[in-house]
Amino acid sequence: MRQRQLGPGAPEVSAISFGGMPLSIQERPDNEADAIEVIHSVLDAGVTLIDTANVYCLDDNDIGHNERLVAKAVGNWPGDRNAIIIATKGGLTRPQGRWERDARPGRLKSACERSLDALDVECIDLYQLHAPDPEVPFEDSVGALSDLQNEGKIRWIGLSNVSVEEIEIAQQIVDVVTVQNRLSPFFREAVETGVVEHCGEQGIGFLAYSPVGGGRLNKKLPGHPDLQLVARDHTLSPHATVIAWVLAQGPSVIPIPAARMVEHAMDSLSAAGVDLSPEGLAALDAAEFSTA
């Protein structure tokens, strides 16, 4: 597995990592053992970064489900646990299954405490602000993460769903190690608004979530004519070809595809050793990926 730098002061991690969300939300595996098998499969394949969140669950009564699942899977994996970095997040809630923002400092600190318990650790490797809260001064939310870091409860700080301006504001308060924003051929705003470029210039790891579009959009990929041609040229599936395109967007980009099944997880990882040809990249850059 190729490696990429996680961020300033942090180690290298697998160039493609793994997102745990679909193992804990609606349509999650009925059998916990099946979910653990998926996590073990990516660890066996060389993945060293797993991304989770306290709100990867069904609702507020299920908070921490994915964190507990990831902790259990990593804990009983026969490989080197110390080689695995677990990233989690705080700043959202799930009332009645909705996704709502709450990044008040007090709520972030209490969420972090619950995540420490769920992950069964004394210090979280990477703790990310899940999203800025329009009802809370951004500096206050970032300041809470600074407090948690000073208390020894988190090692590295990350941001998610942020702009270049917000990254720069946070950098005046803390050392930002990672930024996690959406990036796929369907949604290229992280490239178009300069977030990927800024992260590259600063050495900040850019964690690309939903790299194949997420939800219904990834089901459109096999029928995309331009993508079919590039995939055939590189002997990849359409989904893996898209992940290779995401990897090519910058040297700090680390896609975090998710999967409910082992075969889908392995397909995503097949992109790790592939460099798309200049012609293939140009074709996908120019292609339209409709979200309709």
Protein backbone atom coordinates (compact mmCIF):
# COMPACT_ATOMS: atom_id res chain seq x y z
CA MET A 1 0.00 0.00 0.00
CA ARG A 2 1.36 3.41 -0.93
CA GLN A 3 1.77 5.94 1.84
CA ARG A 4 1.01 9.65 2.18
CA GLN A 5 1.78 12.08 4.97
CA LEU A 6 -1.18 12.51 7.29
CA GLY A 7 -0.19 16.07 8.12
CA PRO A 8 2.31 18.30 9.93
CA GLY A 9 3.92 16.39 12.80
CA ALA A 10 1.95 13.25 11.98
CA PRO A 11 3.18 10.02 10.38
CA GLU A 12 2.56 8.58 6.96
CA VAL A 13 -0.63 6.57 6.52
CA SER A 14 -2.06 4.43 3.76
CA ALA A 15 -2.77 6.50 0.65
CA ILE A 16 -6.32 5.13 0.69
CA SER A 17 -7.96 4.84 4.07
CA PHE A 18 -11.36 3.59 5.21
CA GLY A 19 -14.56 5.32 6.32
CA GLY A 20 -16.72 3.41 8.77
CA MET A 21 -20.02 5.28 8.41
CA PRO A 22 -22.11 2.77 6.37
CA LEU A 23 -21.37 0.04 8.91
CA SER A 24 -23.44 1.92 11.51
CA ILE A 25 -26.18 3.95 9.81
CA GLN A 26 -29.35 2.81 8.05
CA GLU A 27 -28.92 -0.44 6.08
CA ARG A 28 -25.90 -1.36 8.18
CA PRO A 29 -24.97 -5.05 8.34
CA ASP A 30 -27.38 -7.10 10.44
CA ASN A 31 -24.53 -9.11 11.88
CA GLU A 32 -21.75 -7.30 13.77
CA ALA A 33 -19.33 -10.02 12.74
CA ASP A 34 -19.88 -9.09 9.09
CA ALA A 35 -19.04 -5.45 9.83
CA ILE A 36 -15.90 -6.45 11.72
CA GLU A 37 -14.87 -8.66 8.80
CA VAL A 38 -14.96 -5.61 6.51
CA ILE A 39 -12.72 -3.64 8.87
CA HIS A 40 -10.32 -6.56 9.27
CA SER A 41 -10.13 -6.95 5.48
CA VAL A 42 -8.92 -3.38 4.96
CA LEU A 43 -6.46 -3.62 7.84
CA ASP A 44 -5.07 -6.85 6.38
CA ALA A 45 -4.70 -5.05 3.03
CA GLY A 46 -2.54 -2.33 4.58
CA VAL A 47 -4.96 0.43 5.55
CA THR A 48 -3.58 2.32 8.55
CA LEU A 49 -6.18 5.11 8.96
CA ILE A 50 -9.81 4.49 9.86
CA ASP A 51 -12.24 7.39 9.96
CA THR A 52 -15.26 7.30 12.24
CA ALA A 53 -17.49 9.73 14.17
CA ASN A 54 -19.70 9.67 17.23
CA VAL A 55 -22.75 10.34 15.03
CA TYR A 56 -22.21 7.40 12.69
CA CYS A 57 -25.24 5.69 14.19
CA LEU A 58 -29.02 5.53 13.82
CA ASP A 59 -29.97 8.38 16.16
CA ASP A 60 -29.04 10.06 19.42
CA ASN A 61 -29.89 6.87 21.35
CA ASP A 62 -27.23 5.05 19.33
CA ILE A 63 -24.40 7.61 19.64
CA GLY A 64 -20.95 6.05 19.41
CA HIS A 65 -22.04 2.89 17.57
CA ASN A 66 -19.37 3.12 14.88
CA GLU A 67 -16.67 4.16 17.34
CA ARG A 68 -17.40 1.10 19.47
CA LEU A 69 -17.46 -1.12 16.38
CA VAL A 70 -14.13 0.22 15.11
CA ALA A 71 -12.56 -0.10 18.55
CA LYS A 72 -13.71 -3.71 18.83
CA ALA A 73 -12.52 -4.59 15.33
CA VAL A 74 -9.10 -3.01 15.76
CA GLY A 75 -8.80 -4.41 19.28
CA ASN A 76 -9.22 -8.02 18.19
CA TRP A 77 -7.30 -7.70 14.93
CA PRO A 78 -4.14 -9.85 15.12
CA GLY A 79 -1.92 -7.19 13.54
CA ASP A 80 -0.09 -4.28 15.16
CA ARG A 81 -2.70 -2.05 16.81
CA ASN A 82 -0.11 0.68 17.31
CA ALA A 83 0.24 1.04 13.54
CA ILE A 84 -3.42 2.02 13.17
CA ILE A 85 -4.64 5.61 13.50
CA ILE A 86 -8.30 6.10 14.36
CA ALA A 87 -9.82 9.46 13.52
CA THR A 88 -13.16 10.54 14.96
CA LYS A 89 -15.25 13.71 15.05
CA GLY A 90 -17.49 15.86 17.20
CA GLY A 91 -19.86 18.70 16.47
CA LEU A 92 -22.99 17.02 15.10
CA THR A 93 -26.01 15.40 16.74
CA ARG A 94 -28.61 12.87 15.52
CA PRO A 95 -32.03 13.81 17.01
CA GLN A 96 -34.62 11.39 15.60
CA GLY A 97 -32.05 10.40 13.01
CA ARG A 98 -31.54 13.91 11.64
CA TRP A 99 -28.08 15.43 11.13
CA GLU A 100 -27.77 18.70 13.07
CA ARG A 101 -24.81 20.86 14.07
CA ASP A 102 -23.88 21.61 17.65
CA ALA A 103 -20.31 22.79 18.05
CA ARG A 104 -20.67 24.66 21.33
CA PRO A 105 -17.47 24.26 23.33
CA GLY A 106 -19.19 22.45 26.19
CA ARG A 107 -20.90 20.02 23.83
CA LEU A 108 -17.66 19.34 21.97
CA LYS A 109 -15.87 18.57 25.22
CA SER A 110 -18.59 16.23 26.43
CA ALA A 111 -18.71 14.55 23.01
CA CYS A 112 -14.97 14.00 23.18
CA GLU A 113 -15.32 12.37 26.61
CA ARG A 114 -17.92 9.97 25.23
CA SER A 115 -15.68 9.21 22.25
CA LEU A 116 -12.79 8.41 24.57
CA ASP A 117 -15.05 5.89 26.30
CA ALA A 118 -16.41 4.46 23.05
CA LEU A 119 -12.94 4.02 21.57
CA ASP A 120 -11.59 2.77 24.92
CA VAL A 121 -8.53 5.03 24.77
CA GLU A 122 -7.01 7.71 26.98
CA CYS A 123 -6.05 9.91 24.02
CA ILE A 124 -7.75 10.09 20.60
CA ASP A 125 -5.31 10.00 17.68
CA LEU A 126 -7.10 12.54 15.47
CA TYR A 127 -10.15 14.51 16.61
CA GLN A 128 -11.96 16.55 13.98
CA LEU A 129 -14.52 19.33 14.19
CA HIS A 130 -17.26 17.71 12.12
CA ALA A 131 -18.57 21.01 10.75
CA PRO A 132 -18.63 24.70 11.68
CA ASP A 133 -21.77 25.65 13.57
CA PRO A 134 -23.35 28.90 12.32
CA GLU A 135 -24.76 29.49 15.82
CA VAL A 136 -21.31 29.32 17.46
CA PRO A 137 -18.24 31.51 16.79
CA PHE A 138 -15.85 29.30 14.84
CA GLU A 139 -12.95 30.38 17.03
CA ASP A 140 -14.81 29.11 20.12
CA SER A 141 -15.27 25.66 18.60
CA VAL A 142 -11.63 25.43 17.58
CA GLY A 143 -10.62 26.74 21.00
CA ALA A 144 -12.43 23.81 22.61
CA LEU A 145 -10.31 21.42 20.56
CA SER A 146 -7.21 23.31 21.67
CA ASP A 147 -8.27 22.84 25.29
CA LEU A 148 -8.79 19.12 24.75
CA GLN A 149 -5.38 18.81 23.15
CA ASN A 150 -3.74 20.69 26.03
CA GLU A 151 -5.46 18.30 28.43
CA GLY A 152 -3.89 15.34 26.62
CA LYS A 153 -7.23 13.96 25.38
CA ILE A 154 -6.50 14.34 21.67
CA ARG A 155 -3.19 14.10 19.84
CA TRP A 156 -3.89 15.83 16.54
CA ILE A 157 -6.61 18.27 15.47
CA GLY A 158 -8.53 18.17 12.22
CA LEU A 159 -11.33 20.14 10.60
CA SER A 160 -14.15 19.03 8.32
CA ASN A 161 -16.45 20.80 5.88
CA VAL A 162 -14.44 24.02 5.99
CA SER A 163 -13.28 26.78 3.63
CA VAL A 164 -9.76 28.12 3.13
CA GLU A 165 -10.69 31.12 5.28
CA GLU A 166 -11.82 28.89 8.12
CA ILE A 167 -8.65 26.81 7.89
CA GLU A 168 -6.57 29.98 8.16
CA ILE A 169 -8.58 31.17 11.17
CA ALA A 170 -8.08 27.80 12.88
CA GLN A 171 -4.36 27.86 12.13
CA GLN A 172 -4.06 30.98 14.27
CA ILE A 173 -5.31 28.92 17.24
CA VAL A 174 -4.07 25.35 16.71
CA ASP A 175 -1.88 23.25 14.44
CA VAL A 176 -4.31 21.90 11.84
CA VAL A 177 -3.15 18.44 10.78
CA THR A 178 -6.02 17.39 8.50
CA VAL A 179 -9.01 18.76 6.63
CA GLN A 180 -11.83 16.43 5.64
CA ASN A 181 -14.09 17.73 2.87
CA ARG A 182 -16.16 16.13 0.14
CA LEU A 183 -14.36 15.44 -3.14
CA SER A 184 -15.45 13.40 -6.13
CA PRO A 185 -16.03 14.00 -9.85
CA PHE A 186 -19.61 14.86 -8.88
CA PHE A 187 -18.56 17.44 -6.28
CA ARG A 188 -15.33 19.29 -7.06
CA GLU A 189 -15.78 22.36 -4.86
CA ALA A 190 -12.79 21.43 -2.69
CA VAL A 191 -10.60 21.81 -5.78
CA GLU A 192 -12.47 24.75 -7.28
CA THR A 193 -12.40 26.83 -4.07
CA GLY A 194 -8.71 26.18 -3.43
CA VAL A 195 -9.05 24.01 -0.31
CA VAL A 196 -7.07 21.10 -1.79
CA GLU A 197 -4.36 23.46 -3.05
CA HIS A 198 -4.13 25.23 0.32
CA CYS A 199 -3.80 21.92 2.16
CA GLY A 200 -1.07 20.85 -0.24
CA GLU A 201 0.85 24.08 0.30
CA GLN A 202 0.57 23.76 4.08
CA GLY A 203 1.32 20.03 4.20
CA ILE A 204 -2.14 19.41 5.67
CA GLY A 205 -3.63 16.02 4.90
CA PHE A 206 -6.78 16.38 2.81
CA LEU A 207 -9.16 13.53 3.68
CA ALA A 208 -11.58 13.16 0.78
CA TYR A 209 -14.93 11.82 1.91
CA SER A 210 -17.57 10.39 -0.46
CA PRO A 211 -14.90 9.92 -3.18
CA VAL A 212 -17.29 7.96 -5.40
CA GLY A 213 -20.21 10.32 -4.85
CA GLY A 214 -22.00 8.58 -2.01
CA GLY A 215 -25.53 7.18 -1.87
CA ARG A 216 -27.31 6.94 -5.19
CA LEU A 217 -24.60 8.72 -7.18
CA ASN A 218 -22.04 5.94 -7.00
CA LYS A 219 -24.61 3.69 -8.70
CA LYS A 220 -24.38 5.94 -11.77
CA LEU A 221 -20.67 5.31 -12.30
CA PRO A 222 -20.74 1.99 -14.22
CA GLY A 223 -22.86 3.57 -16.95
CA HIS A 224 -20.73 6.68 -17.44
CA PRO A 225 -19.26 6.44 -20.99
CA ASP A 226 -16.07 8.46 -20.44
CA LEU A 227 -15.38 6.67 -17.17
CA GLN A 228 -15.89 3.29 -18.81
CA LEU A 229 -13.15 4.02 -21.33
CA VAL A 230 -10.62 5.18 -18.74
CA ALA A 231 -11.45 2.25 -16.45
CA ARG A 232 -10.92 -0.22 -19.29
CA ASP A 233 -7.57 1.34 -20.19
CA HIS A 234 -6.34 0.93 -16.60
CA THR A 235 -7.99 -2.45 -15.90
CA LEU A 236 -9.92 -0.99 -12.98
CA SER A 237 -13.57 -0.90 -12.01
CA PRO A 238 -15.32 2.44 -12.58
CA HIS A 239 -15.40 3.01 -8.82
CA ALA A 240 -11.69 2.36 -8.37
CA THR A 241 -10.95 4.60 -11.36
CA VAL A 242 -12.78 7.47 -9.69
CA ILE A 243 -10.79 6.94 -6.50
CA ALA A 244 -7.59 7.03 -8.58
CA TRP A 245 -8.80 10.36 -9.99
CA VAL A 246 -9.34 11.69 -6.46
CA LEU A 247 -5.81 10.58 -5.49
CA ALA A 248 -4.45 12.49 -8.47
CA GLN A 249 -5.92 15.80 -7.29
CA GLY A 250 -2.95 16.51 -5.04
CA PRO A 251 -0.11 14.87 -3.10
CA SER A 252 -1.82 15.49 0.24
CA VAL A 253 -5.13 13.92 -0.81
CA ILE A 254 -6.13 10.74 1.05
CA PRO A 255 -9.47 9.26 -0.10
CA ILE A 256 -11.56 7.59 2.59
CA PRO A 257 -14.00 5.34 0.72
CA ALA A 258 -16.53 3.41 2.74
CA ALA A 259 -18.01 -0.04 2.22
CA ARG A 260 -20.52 -2.46 3.71
CA MET A 261 -19.03 -5.49 1.97
CA VAL A 262 -15.50 -6.89 1.78
CA GLU A 263 -15.47 -7.07 -2.01
CA HIS A 264 -16.40 -3.40 -2.33
CA ALA A 265 -13.71 -2.41 0.17
CA MET A 266 -11.08 -4.41 -1.74
CA ASP A 267 -12.16 -2.87 -5.04
CA SER A 268 -11.63 0.64 -3.63
CA LEU A 269 -8.14 -0.25 -2.41
CA SER A 270 -7.16 -1.51 -5.87
CA ALA A 271 -6.74 2.16 -6.89
CA ALA A 272 -3.86 2.71 -4.46
CA GLY A 273 -1.11 1.60 -6.80
CA VAL A 274 -2.50 3.17 -9.98
CA ASP A 275 -1.43 6.39 -11.67
CA LEU A 276 -3.97 7.45 -14.25
CA SER A 277 -2.51 8.41 -17.60
CA PRO A 278 -2.47 12.11 -18.54
CA GLU A 279 -5.08 11.30 -21.15
CA GLY A 280 -7.26 9.51 -18.64
CA LEU A 281 -7.01 12.35 -16.16
CA ALA A 282 -7.82 14.91 -18.82
CA ALA A 283 -10.83 12.91 -19.96
CA LEU A 284 -12.26 12.70 -16.44
CA ASP A 285 -11.44 16.34 -15.72
CA ALA A 286 -13.48 17.36 -18.76
CA ALA A 287 -16.31 14.88 -18.29
CA GLU A 288 -19.65 15.87 -16.81
CA PHE A 289 -20.84 13.85 -13.82
CA SER A 290 -24.48 14.78 -13.37
CA THR A 291 -26.01 14.74 -9.89
CA ALA A 292 -29.54 14.75 -11.32
